[in-house]
Amino acid sequence: MEIKIIQALRAIAAIGVISYHINFIMINRLGYSNQNVDIGIMGVDLFFVISGFIMVYTCNKLFKKPKSSVIFLMRRLARIIPIYWIYNSLLVILLFFIPNLFSNLKFNLNSVISSYFLILSEITPKVNGTLLMTGWSLCYEMYFYFLFAITLFFHRKYLLLILSCFFISGVILGLFYTIPIWMKVATNPILFEFLIGAAIATLFLEKEHLLLSFSLILFIASLAVLFIHDLNFGDFTRPLIFGLPCGLFLVLAIYLEKIGLHTSKILKSMGDSSYTLYLIHPFILSAIGKFFILFPLIQSIPSKIFFCSL
């Protein structure tokens, strides 16, 4: 059974990421000031939670089936890689032939190769990611897909346990050892956001009567983190402050659809194309930014056009 509201959530996540990058460009590249907190960055966290949910929900019948892991990975690669390579190649071509378009990014063969294979590398000093601005999150997606493919060898009841073991082991490894950049995808606590989504899907499929209790736990945990937000959680800050509320948001959306909430066709259409929007919007925003710099628009257009600040 298709849960249509999931596509609407993907659209909301994409809009959040785009708004965050608009904020970033306007402040860091064009010199506008903004006093408001931009929560658009939560779009990535919502994507991760949704991904954890969707993989379990749609692959429900693949567990312990012959060649299911290979089939799963091939489908994921076919969906993710080709379109990503198109935009990554466009960026590499621009970077090589028109380097003056970029202020900090430089052509580096190691970064180019790493980006094509969705491996984290040092793109600019002290900044790890991929050449394509949004590609870093796909590194985490692909790592999750690889681990999920491993879980398909076992019964679904072991899914959460296996994922938890991998995620916890990775985080512990990162805490006690200095690891190379390419391995950091396995040590980041943001991976637990996939686990939140997977847990929601597992309860929804097997023990729906416990899903409400789980959402209550997410709500209490989110409130607790909100009240003690001044504490430094280190690398756990993002999954705690953003991941938990995104999980709660997902549960709420599922229940709203169950009671008859109609999913907007516009949002659903945007959700269907959210991956393309996610990859292409840095090109569009960067072009708009260059346009603002070339023409005296920064001085003539007030910040209120872009920010809801007073």
C-alpha atoms as a PDB file:
ATOM      1  CA  MET A   1       0.000   0.000   0.000  1.00  0.00           C
ATOM      2  CA  GLU A   2       1.404   3.361  -1.055  1.00  0.00           C
ATOM      3  CA  ILE A   3       1.635   6.015   1.627  1.00  0.00           C
ATOM      4  CA  LYS A   4       1.114   9.101  -0.516  1.00  0.00           C
ATOM      5  CA  ILE A   5       1.986  11.568   2.215  1.00  0.00           C
ATOM      6  CA  ILE A   6       5.581  10.306   2.157  1.00  0.00           C
ATOM      7  CA  GLN A   7       6.060  12.069  -1.182  1.00  0.00           C
ATOM      8  CA  ALA A   8       4.668  15.253   0.351  1.00  0.00           C
ATOM      9  CA  LEU A   9       7.216  14.923   3.159  1.00  0.00           C
ATOM     10  CA  ARG A  10       9.971  14.541   0.583  1.00  0.00           C
ATOM     11  CA  ALA A  11       8.792  17.760  -1.050  1.00  0.00           C
ATOM     12  CA  ILE A  12       8.866  19.536   2.317  1.00  0.00           C
ATOM     13  CA  ALA A  13      12.380  18.188   2.943  1.00  0.00           C
ATOM     14  CA  ALA A  14      13.560  19.438  -0.459  1.00  0.00           C
ATOM     15  CA  ILE A  15      12.003  22.856   0.132  1.00  0.00           C
ATOM     16  CA  GLY A  16      13.763  23.001   3.503  1.00  0.00           C
ATOM     17  CA  VAL A  17      17.167  22.253   1.998  1.00  0.00           C
ATOM     18  CA  ILE A  18      16.656  24.769  -0.808  1.00  0.00           C
ATOM     19  CA  SER A  19      15.616  27.484   1.674  1.00  0.00           C
ATOM     20  CA  TYR A  20      18.682  26.758   3.783  1.00  0.00           C
ATOM     21  CA  HIS A  21      20.978  27.134   0.788  1.00  0.00           C
ATOM     22  CA  ILE A  22      19.235  30.349  -0.236  1.00  0.00           C
ATOM     23  CA  ASN A  23      19.931  31.606   3.266  1.00  0.00           C
ATOM     24  CA  PHE A  24      23.549  30.488   3.037  1.00  0.00           C
ATOM     25  CA  ILE A  25      24.188  32.175  -0.306  1.00  0.00           C
ATOM     26  CA  MET A  26      22.438  35.401   0.658  1.00  0.00           C
ATOM     27  CA  ILE A  27      24.413  35.704   3.891  1.00  0.00           C
ATOM     28  CA  ASN A  28      27.826  34.260   3.012  1.00  0.00           C
ATOM     29  CA  ARG A  29      28.106  35.233  -0.646  1.00  0.00           C
ATOM     30  CA  LEU A  30      25.967  38.353  -1.043  1.00  0.00           C
ATOM     31  CA  GLY A  31      26.389  39.999   2.335  1.00  0.00           C
ATOM     32  CA  TYR A  32      22.774  40.083   3.516  1.00  0.00           C
ATOM     33  CA  SER A  33      22.162  39.793   7.239  1.00  0.00           C
ATOM     34  CA  ASN A  34      19.633  37.525   8.848  1.00  0.00           C
ATOM     35  CA  GLN A  35      18.821  37.265  12.544  1.00  0.00           C
ATOM     36  CA  ASN A  36      16.432  34.336  12.227  1.00  0.00           C
ATOM     37  CA  VAL A  37      17.295  30.702  12.817  1.00  0.00           C
ATOM     38  CA  ASP A  38      16.982  28.793   9.553  1.00  0.00           C
ATOM     39  CA  ILE A  39      15.526  25.358  10.251  1.00  0.00           C
ATOM     40  CA  GLY A  40      15.628  24.423   6.572  1.00  0.00           C
ATOM     41  CA  ILE A  41      18.747  22.373   7.238  1.00  0.00           C
ATOM     42  CA  MET A  42      16.408  19.840   8.866  1.00  0.00           C
ATOM     43  CA  GLY A  43      15.374  18.839   5.354  1.00  0.00           C
ATOM     44  CA  VAL A  44      18.368  16.495   5.120  1.00  0.00           C
ATOM     45  CA  ASP A  45      17.498  14.902   8.454  1.00  0.00           C
ATOM     46  CA  LEU A  46      13.916  14.414   7.301  1.00  0.00           C
ATOM     47  CA  PHE A  47      15.229  12.786   4.121  1.00  0.00           C
ATOM     48  CA  PHE A  48      17.299  10.352   6.222  1.00  0.00           C
ATOM     49  CA  VAL A  49      14.381   9.427   8.477  1.00  0.00           C
ATOM     50  CA  ILE A  50      12.109   8.945   5.453  1.00  0.00           C
ATOM     51  CA  SER A  51      14.769   6.829   3.749  1.00  0.00           C
ATOM     52  CA  GLY A  52      15.012   4.523   6.761  1.00  0.00           C
ATOM     53  CA  PHE A  53      11.231   4.146   6.753  1.00  0.00           C
ATOM     54  CA  ILE A  54      10.843   3.609   3.010  1.00  0.00           C
ATOM     55  CA  MET A  55      13.573   0.971   2.737  1.00  0.00           C
ATOM     56  CA  VAL A  56      11.921  -1.195   5.390  1.00  0.00           C
ATOM     57  CA  TYR A  57       8.378  -0.538   4.194  1.00  0.00           C
ATOM     58  CA  THR A  58       8.982  -1.202   0.496  1.00  0.00           C
ATOM     59  CA  CYS A  59      11.433  -4.096   0.965  1.00  0.00           C
ATOM     60  CA  ASN A  60       9.258  -5.878   3.496  1.00  0.00           C
ATOM     61  CA  LYS A  61       9.080  -9.065   1.391  1.00  0.00           C
ATOM     62  CA  LEU A  62      12.735  -9.176   0.344  1.00  0.00           C
ATOM     63  CA  PHE A  63      14.155 -10.414   3.636  1.00  0.00           C
ATOM     64  CA  LYS A  64      15.776 -13.880   3.388  1.00  0.00           C
ATOM     65  CA  LYS A  65      14.906 -14.134  -0.304  1.00  0.00           C
ATOM     66  CA  PRO A  66      17.524 -15.412  -2.812  1.00  0.00           C
ATOM     67  CA  LYS A  67      19.611 -12.634  -4.394  1.00  0.00           C
ATOM     68  CA  SER A  68      17.484 -10.001  -2.636  1.00  0.00           C
ATOM     69  CA  SER A  69      20.578  -8.064  -1.519  1.00  0.00           C
ATOM     70  CA  VAL A  70      21.949  -7.863  -5.055  1.00  0.00           C
ATOM     71  CA  ILE A  71      18.561  -6.894  -6.485  1.00  0.00           C
ATOM     72  CA  PHE A  72      18.126  -4.212  -3.831  1.00  0.00           C
ATOM     73  CA  LEU A  73      21.557  -2.670  -4.402  1.00  0.00           C
ATOM     74  CA  MET A  74      21.184  -2.702  -8.181  1.00  0.00           C
ATOM     75  CA  ARG A  75      17.831  -0.907  -7.914  1.00  0.00           C
ATOM     76  CA  ARG A  76      19.248   1.687  -5.548  1.00  0.00           C
ATOM     77  CA  LEU A  77      22.308   2.284  -7.704  1.00  0.00           C
ATOM     78  CA  ALA A  78      20.145   2.602 -10.818  1.00  0.00           C
ATOM     79  CA  ARG A  79      18.016   5.233  -9.087  1.00  0.00           C
ATOM     80  CA  ILE A  80      20.789   7.231  -7.426  1.00  0.00           C
ATOM     81  CA  ILE A  81      23.944   7.062  -9.540  1.00  0.00           C
ATOM     82  CA  PRO A  82      23.068   7.971 -13.174  1.00  0.00           C
ATOM     83  CA  ILE A  83      21.397  11.318 -12.479  1.00  0.00           C
ATOM     84  CA  TYR A  84      23.970  12.143  -9.797  1.00  0.00           C
ATOM     85  CA  TRP A  85      26.801  11.485 -12.260  1.00  0.00           C
ATOM     86  CA  ILE A  86      25.176  13.804 -14.802  1.00  0.00           C
ATOM     87  CA  TYR A  87      25.178  16.771 -12.425  1.00  0.00           C
ATOM     88  CA  ASN A  88      28.534  15.860 -10.921  1.00  0.00           C
ATOM     89  CA  SER A  89      30.025  15.718 -14.445  1.00  0.00           C
ATOM     90  CA  LEU A  90      28.550  19.119 -15.258  1.00  0.00           C
ATOM     91  CA  LEU A  91      30.205  20.535 -12.152  1.00  0.00           C
ATOM     92  CA  VAL A  92      33.557  18.897 -12.971  1.00  0.00           C
ATOM     93  CA  ILE A  93      33.462  20.326 -16.522  1.00  0.00           C
ATOM     94  CA  LEU A  94      32.727  23.826 -15.230  1.00  0.00           C
ATOM     95  CA  LEU A  95      35.381  23.496 -12.554  1.00  0.00           C
ATOM     96  CA  PHE A  96      38.013  22.398 -15.069  1.00  0.00           C
ATOM     97  CA  PHE A  97      37.262  24.791 -17.943  1.00  0.00           C
ATOM     98  CA  ILE A  98      35.864  27.838 -16.088  1.00  0.00           C
ATOM     99  CA  PRO A  99      37.515  27.736 -12.623  1.00  0.00           C
ATOM    100  CA  ASN A 100      36.876  31.459 -12.080  1.00  0.00           C
ATOM    101  CA  LEU A 101      33.204  30.679 -11.539  1.00  0.00           C
ATOM    102  CA  PHE A 102      34.108  29.219  -8.156  1.00  0.00           C
ATOM    103  CA  SER A 103      35.410  31.137  -5.179  1.00  0.00           C
ATOM    104  CA  ASN A 104      36.713  28.296  -2.965  1.00  0.00           C
ATOM    105  CA  LEU A 105      36.246  25.089  -4.930  1.00  0.00           C
ATOM    106  CA  LYS A 106      39.276  23.928  -6.913  1.00  0.00           C
ATOM    107  CA  PHE A 107      39.745  21.109  -9.410  1.00  0.00           C
ATOM    108  CA  ASN A 108      41.395  18.209  -7.642  1.00  0.00           C
ATOM    109  CA  LEU A 109      41.627  14.752  -9.210  1.00  0.00           C
ATOM    110  CA  ASN A 110      41.303  12.967  -5.870  1.00  0.00           C
ATOM    111  CA  SER A 111      38.133  14.908  -5.022  1.00  0.00           C
ATOM    112  CA  VAL A 112      36.730  14.303  -8.502  1.00  0.00           C
ATOM    113  CA  ILE A 113      37.219  10.532  -8.289  1.00  0.00           C
ATOM    114  CA  SER A 114      35.953  10.392  -4.704  1.00  0.00           C
ATOM    115  CA  SER A 115      32.861  12.391  -5.629  1.00  0.00           C
ATOM    116  CA  TYR A 116      31.964  10.037  -8.463  1.00  0.00           C
ATOM    117  CA  PHE A 117      32.127   7.079  -6.098  1.00  0.00           C
ATOM    118  CA  LEU A 118      30.307   8.963  -3.308  1.00  0.00           C
ATOM    119  CA  ILE A 119      33.277   8.848  -0.967  1.00  0.00           C
ATOM    120  CA  LEU A 120      33.915  11.729   1.406  1.00  0.00           C
ATOM    121  CA  SER A 121      37.071  13.743   0.790  1.00  0.00           C
ATOM    122  CA  GLU A 122      38.480  17.151   1.752  1.00  0.00           C
ATOM    123  CA  ILE A 123      36.873  19.431  -0.829  1.00  0.00           C
ATOM    124  CA  THR A 124      38.168  22.674   0.642  1.00  0.00           C
ATOM    125  CA  PRO A 125      40.383  23.151   3.720  1.00  0.00           C
ATOM    126  CA  LYS A 126      38.636  21.591   6.756  1.00  0.00           C
ATOM    127  CA  VAL A 127      35.475  20.875   4.731  1.00  0.00           C
ATOM    128  CA  ASN A 128      34.722  17.221   3.979  1.00  0.00           C
ATOM    129  CA  GLY A 129      32.126  16.272   1.402  1.00  0.00           C
ATOM    130  CA  THR A 130      31.744  15.887  -2.352  1.00  0.00           C
ATOM    131  CA  LEU A 131      32.225  18.382  -5.172  1.00  0.00           C
ATOM    132  CA  LEU A 132      28.463  18.654  -5.625  1.00  0.00           C
ATOM    133  CA  MET A 133      27.184  20.597  -2.627  1.00  0.00           C
ATOM    134  CA  THR A 134      24.410  18.148  -1.774  1.00  0.00           C
ATOM    135  CA  GLY A 135      26.361  15.002  -2.619  1.00  0.00           C
ATOM    136  CA  TRP A 136      27.693  14.524   0.912  1.00  0.00           C
ATOM    137  CA  SER A 137      24.312  13.266   2.109  1.00  0.00           C
ATOM    138  CA  LEU A 138      24.276  10.650  -0.665  1.00  0.00           C
ATOM    139  CA  CYS A 139      27.478   9.217   0.826  1.00  0.00           C
ATOM    140  CA  TYR A 140      25.474   8.449   3.968  1.00  0.00           C
ATOM    141  CA  GLU A 141      22.537   7.166   1.942  1.00  0.00           C
ATOM    142  CA  MET A 142      24.737   4.721   0.034  1.00  0.00           C
ATOM    143  CA  TYR A 143      26.393   3.513   3.235  1.00  0.00           C
ATOM    144  CA  PHE A 144      22.959   2.894   4.736  1.00  0.00           C
ATOM    145  CA  TYR A 145      21.877   1.047   1.577  1.00  0.00           C
ATOM    146  CA  PHE A 146      24.950  -1.182   1.810  1.00  0.00           C
ATOM    147  CA  LEU A 147      24.195  -2.063   5.435  1.00  0.00           C
ATOM    148  CA  PHE A 148      20.526  -2.569   4.646  1.00  0.00           C
ATOM    149  CA  ALA A 149      21.509  -5.010   1.886  1.00  0.00           C
ATOM    150  CA  ILE A 150      23.387  -7.019   4.520  1.00  0.00           C
ATOM    151  CA  THR A 151      20.303  -7.180   6.734  1.00  0.00           C
ATOM    152  CA  LEU A 152      18.329  -8.720   3.854  1.00  0.00           C
ATOM    153  CA  PHE A 153      20.271 -11.957   4.384  1.00  0.00           C
ATOM    154  CA  PHE A 154      18.496 -12.328   7.732  1.00  0.00           C
ATOM    155  CA  HIS A 155      14.947 -12.361   9.066  1.00  0.00           C
ATOM    156  CA  ARG A 156      13.413  -8.909   9.351  1.00  0.00           C
ATOM    157  CA  LYS A 157      13.169  -9.227  13.137  1.00  0.00           C
ATOM    158  CA  TYR A 158      16.964  -8.807  13.289  1.00  0.00           C
ATOM    159  CA  LEU A 159      16.979  -5.637  11.168  1.00  0.00           C
ATOM    160  CA  LEU A 160      17.092  -3.047  13.946  1.00  0.00           C
ATOM    161  CA  LEU A 161      19.612  -5.070  15.947  1.00  0.00           C
ATOM    162  CA  ILE A 162      22.020  -5.447  13.011  1.00  0.00           C
ATOM    163  CA  LEU A 163      21.775  -1.774  12.023  1.00  0.00           C
ATOM    164  CA  SER A 164      22.229  -0.693  15.648  1.00  0.00           C
ATOM    165  CA  CYS A 165      25.362  -2.828  15.984  1.00  0.00           C
ATOM    166  CA  PHE A 166      26.911  -1.320  12.861  1.00  0.00           C
ATOM    167  CA  PHE A 167      26.010   2.263  13.806  1.00  0.00           C
ATOM    168  CA  ILE A 168      27.121   1.961  17.436  1.00  0.00           C
ATOM    169  CA  SER A 169      30.378   0.242  16.454  1.00  0.00           C
ATOM    170  CA  GLY A 170      31.116   3.002  13.959  1.00  0.00           C
ATOM    171  CA  VAL A 171      30.465   5.777  16.463  1.00  0.00           C
ATOM    172  CA  ILE A 172      32.675   4.081  19.082  1.00  0.00           C
ATOM    173  CA  LEU A 173      35.420   3.683  16.480  1.00  0.00           C
ATOM    174  CA  GLY A 174      35.226   7.394  15.719  1.00  0.00           C
ATOM    175  CA  LEU A 175      35.380   8.336  19.396  1.00  0.00           C
ATOM    176  CA  PHE A 176      38.565   6.432  20.192  1.00  0.00           C
ATOM    177  CA  TYR A 177      40.531   6.416  16.959  1.00  0.00           C
ATOM    178  CA  THR A 178      41.689   8.936  14.381  1.00  0.00           C
ATOM    179  CA  ILE A 179      40.198   7.715  11.146  1.00  0.00           C
ATOM    180  CA  PRO A 180      40.704   8.794   7.520  1.00  0.00           C
ATOM    181  CA  ILE A 181      38.143  11.111   5.951  1.00  0.00           C
ATOM    182  CA  TRP A 182      36.621   8.446   3.708  1.00  0.00           C
ATOM    183  CA  MET A 183      35.697   6.361   6.777  1.00  0.00           C
ATOM    184  CA  LYS A 184      33.952   9.166   8.632  1.00  0.00           C
ATOM    185  CA  VAL A 185      30.656   8.309   6.978  1.00  0.00           C
ATOM    186  CA  ALA A 186      30.597   5.191   9.191  1.00  0.00           C
ATOM    187  CA  THR A 187      31.306   7.049  12.435  1.00  0.00           C
ATOM    188  CA  ASN A 188      28.812   9.924  12.294  1.00  0.00           C
ATOM    189  CA  PRO A 189      25.848   9.636  14.720  1.00  0.00           C
ATOM    190  CA  ILE A 190      23.614  11.156  12.026  1.00  0.00           C
ATOM    191  CA  LEU A 191      23.251   7.540  10.848  1.00  0.00           C
ATOM    192  CA  PHE A 192      20.860   6.955  13.745  1.00  0.00           C
ATOM    193  CA  GLU A 193      18.290   9.002  11.827  1.00  0.00           C
ATOM    194  CA  PHE A 194      17.993   6.094   9.389  1.00  0.00           C
ATOM    195  CA  LEU A 195      17.438   3.847  12.389  1.00  0.00           C
ATOM    196  CA  ILE A 196      14.587   6.067  13.616  1.00  0.00           C
ATOM    197  CA  GLY A 197      12.836   5.717  10.266  1.00  0.00           C
ATOM    198  CA  ALA A 198      13.484   1.970  10.158  1.00  0.00           C
ATOM    199  CA  ALA A 199      12.051   1.573  13.668  1.00  0.00           C
ATOM    200  CA  ILE A 200       8.895   3.478  12.703  1.00  0.00           C
ATOM    201  CA  ALA A 201       8.401   1.264   9.630  1.00  0.00           C
ATOM    202  CA  THR A 202       8.986  -1.924  11.652  1.00  0.00           C
ATOM    203  CA  LEU A 203       6.373  -0.929  14.211  1.00  0.00           C
ATOM    204  CA  PHE A 204       3.965   0.191  11.498  1.00  0.00           C
ATOM    205  CA  LEU A 205       4.231  -3.193   9.762  1.00  0.00           C
ATOM    206  CA  GLU A 206       4.362  -5.510  12.762  1.00  0.00           C
ATOM    207  CA  LYS A 207       3.193  -3.806  15.948  1.00  0.00           C
ATOM    208  CA  GLU A 208       1.223  -0.739  14.978  1.00  0.00           C
ATOM    209  CA  HIS A 209      -0.352  -0.587  18.443  1.00  0.00           C
ATOM    210  CA  LEU A 210       3.114   0.307  19.773  1.00  0.00           C
ATOM    211  CA  LEU A 211       3.724   3.072  17.231  1.00  0.00           C
ATOM    212  CA  LEU A 212       1.783   5.609  19.288  1.00  0.00           C
ATOM    213  CA  SER A 213       3.905   4.763  22.334  1.00  0.00           C
ATOM    214  CA  PHE A 214       7.065   5.161  20.254  1.00  0.00           C
ATOM    215  CA  SER A 215       5.873   8.551  19.014  1.00  0.00           C
ATOM    216  CA  LEU A 216       5.310   9.572  22.635  1.00  0.00           C
ATOM    217  CA  ILE A 217       8.901   8.610  23.409  1.00  0.00           C
ATOM    218  CA  LEU A 218      10.081  10.696  20.449  1.00  0.00           C
ATOM    219  CA  PHE A 219       7.987  13.629  21.675  1.00  0.00           C
ATOM    220  CA  ILE A 220       9.338  13.471  25.238  1.00  0.00           C
ATOM    221  CA  ALA A 221      12.913  13.054  23.995  1.00  0.00           C
ATOM    222  CA  SER A 222      12.517  16.004  21.612  1.00  0.00           C
ATOM    223  CA  LEU A 223      11.206  18.199  24.443  1.00  0.00           C
ATOM    224  CA  ALA A 224      14.028  17.109  26.742  1.00  0.00           C
ATOM    225  CA  VAL A 225      16.646  17.998  24.131  1.00  0.00           C
ATOM    226  CA  LEU A 226      14.905  21.327  23.481  1.00  0.00           C
ATOM    227  CA  PHE A 227      15.047  22.291  27.152  1.00  0.00           C
ATOM    228  CA  ILE A 228      18.732  21.389  27.513  1.00  0.00           C
ATOM    229  CA  HIS A 229      19.800  22.605  24.078  1.00  0.00           C
ATOM    230  CA  ASP A 230      22.587  24.705  25.598  1.00  0.00           C
ATOM    231  CA  LEU A 231      24.515  21.539  26.444  1.00  0.00           C
ATOM    232  CA  ASN A 232      27.133  20.403  23.956  1.00  0.00           C
ATOM    233  CA  PHE A 233      26.170  17.008  22.542  1.00  0.00           C
ATOM    234  CA  GLY A 234      29.065  17.017  20.095  1.00  0.00           C
ATOM    235  CA  ASP A 235      28.405  14.968  16.976  1.00  0.00           C
ATOM    236  CA  PHE A 236      25.123  13.770  18.517  1.00  0.00           C
ATOM    237  CA  THR A 237      23.666  17.283  18.403  1.00  0.00           C
ATOM    238  CA  ARG A 238      22.152  16.988  14.948  1.00  0.00           C
ATOM    239  CA  PRO A 239      20.392  13.611  15.313  1.00  0.00           C
ATOM    240  CA  LEU A 240      19.073  14.679  18.724  1.00  0.00           C
ATOM    241  CA  ILE A 241      17.884  18.187  17.844  1.00  0.00           C
ATOM    242  CA  PHE A 242      16.726  17.438  14.281  1.00  0.00           C
ATOM    243  CA  GLY A 243      16.424  13.667  13.934  1.00  0.00           C
ATOM    244  CA  LEU A 244      14.014  13.065  16.817  1.00  0.00           C
ATOM    245  CA  PRO A 245      11.485  15.746  15.742  1.00  0.00           C
ATOM    246  CA  CYS A 246      11.681  14.478  12.143  1.00  0.00           C
ATOM    247  CA  GLY A 247      10.761  11.008  13.363  1.00  0.00           C
ATOM    248  CA  LEU A 248       7.820  12.460  15.258  1.00  0.00           C
ATOM    249  CA  PHE A 249       6.808  14.437  12.173  1.00  0.00           C
ATOM    250  CA  LEU A 250       6.840  11.247  10.090  1.00  0.00           C
ATOM    251  CA  VAL A 251       4.623   9.349  12.555  1.00  0.00           C
ATOM    252  CA  LEU A 252       2.198  12.271  12.695  1.00  0.00           C
ATOM    253  CA  ALA A 253       2.006  12.401   8.892  1.00  0.00           C
ATOM    254  CA  ILE A 254       1.296   8.660   8.666  1.00  0.00           C
ATOM    255  CA  TYR A 255      -1.529   8.916  11.178  1.00  0.00           C
ATOM    256  CA  LEU A 256      -2.984  11.948   9.424  1.00  0.00           C
ATOM    257  CA  GLU A 257      -3.179   9.983   6.183  1.00  0.00           C
ATOM    258  CA  LYS A 258      -4.767   7.036   7.993  1.00  0.00           C
ATOM    259  CA  ILE A 259      -7.577   9.273   9.233  1.00  0.00           C
ATOM    260  CA  GLY A 260      -8.200  10.604   5.732  1.00  0.00           C
ATOM    261  CA  LEU A 261      -5.942  13.615   5.198  1.00  0.00           C
ATOM    262  CA  HIS A 262      -5.743  14.414   1.499  1.00  0.00           C
ATOM    263  CA  THR A 263      -2.217  14.746   0.127  1.00  0.00           C
ATOM    264  CA  SER A 264      -1.676  17.835  -2.014  1.00  0.00           C
ATOM    265  CA  LYS A 265      -1.096  16.934  -5.662  1.00  0.00           C
ATOM    266  CA  ILE A 266       1.433  19.747  -5.931  1.00  0.00           C
ATOM    267  CA  LEU A 267       3.443  18.468  -2.982  1.00  0.00           C
ATOM    268  CA  LYS A 268       3.207  14.901  -4.260  1.00  0.00           C
ATOM    269  CA  SER A 269       4.507  15.980  -7.672  1.00  0.00           C
ATOM    270  CA  MET A 270       7.337  17.879  -6.018  1.00  0.00           C
ATOM    271  CA  GLY A 271       8.063  14.827  -3.912  1.00  0.00           C
ATOM    272  CA  ASP A 272       8.270  12.669  -7.023  1.00  0.00           C
ATOM    273  CA  SER A 273      10.935  14.994  -8.409  1.00  0.00           C
ATOM    274  CA  SER A 274      12.568  15.829  -5.065  1.00  0.00           C
ATOM    275  CA  TYR A 275      15.802  13.988  -5.899  1.00  0.00           C
ATOM    276  CA  THR A 276      16.288  16.026  -9.072  1.00  0.00           C
ATOM    277  CA  LEU A 277      15.442  19.231  -7.200  1.00  0.00           C
ATOM    278  CA  TYR A 278      17.920  18.263  -4.510  1.00  0.00           C
ATOM    279  CA  LEU A 279      20.741  17.852  -7.028  1.00  0.00           C
ATOM    280  CA  ILE A 280      20.035  20.707  -9.436  1.00  0.00           C
ATOM    281  CA  HIS A 281      19.155  23.565  -7.086  1.00  0.00           C
ATOM    282  CA  PRO A 282      22.798  24.424  -6.157  1.00  0.00           C
ATOM    283  CA  PHE A 283      23.452  25.223  -9.843  1.00  0.00           C
ATOM    284  CA  ILE A 284      20.373  27.444 -10.068  1.00  0.00           C
ATOM    285  CA  LEU A 285      21.047  29.270  -6.792  1.00  0.00           C
ATOM    286  CA  SER A 286      24.710  29.796  -7.646  1.00  0.00           C
ATOM    287  CA  ALA A 287      23.730  31.266 -11.025  1.00  0.00           C
ATOM    288  CA  ILE A 288      21.262  33.626  -9.326  1.00  0.00           C
ATOM    289  CA  GLY A 289      23.979  34.599  -6.855  1.00  0.00           C
ATOM    290  CA  LYS A 290      26.366  35.454  -9.690  1.00  0.00           C
ATOM    291  CA  PHE A 291      23.617  37.519 -11.310  1.00  0.00           C
ATOM    292  CA  PHE A 292      23.154  39.498  -8.087  1.00  0.00           C
ATOM    293  CA  ILE A 293      26.875  40.207  -7.936  1.00  0.00           C
ATOM    294  CA  LEU A 294      27.177  41.253 -11.581  1.00  0.00           C
ATOM    295  CA  PHE A 295      24.319  43.727 -11.291  1.00  0.00           C
ATOM    296  CA  PRO A 296      23.705  46.229  -8.443  1.00  0.00           C
ATOM    297  CA  LEU A 297      20.841  44.189  -7.002  1.00  0.00           C
ATOM    298  CA  ILE A 298      22.274  43.666  -3.530  1.00  0.00           C
ATOM    299  CA  GLN A 299      21.875  47.338  -2.650  1.00  0.00           C
ATOM    300  CA  SER A 300      18.465  47.769  -4.272  1.00  0.00           C
ATOM    301  CA  ILE A 301      16.622  44.661  -3.042  1.00  0.00           C
ATOM    302  CA  PRO A 302      15.958  44.652   0.723  1.00  0.00           C
ATOM    303  CA  SER A 303      16.678  41.550   2.807  1.00  0.00           C
ATOM    304  CA  LYS A 304      12.973  41.286   3.726  1.00  0.00           C
ATOM    305  CA  ILE A 305      12.393  39.862   0.246  1.00  0.00           C
ATOM    306  CA  PHE A 306      14.408  36.819   1.255  1.00  0.00           C
ATOM    307  CA  PHE A 307      14.169  36.735   5.040  1.00  0.00           C
ATOM    308  CA  CYS A 308      11.241  37.177   7.364  1.00  0.00           C
ATOM    309  CA  SER A 309      13.263  39.472   9.601  1.00  0.00           C
ATOM    310  CA  LEU A 310      11.970  42.820  10.818  1.00  0.00           C
END
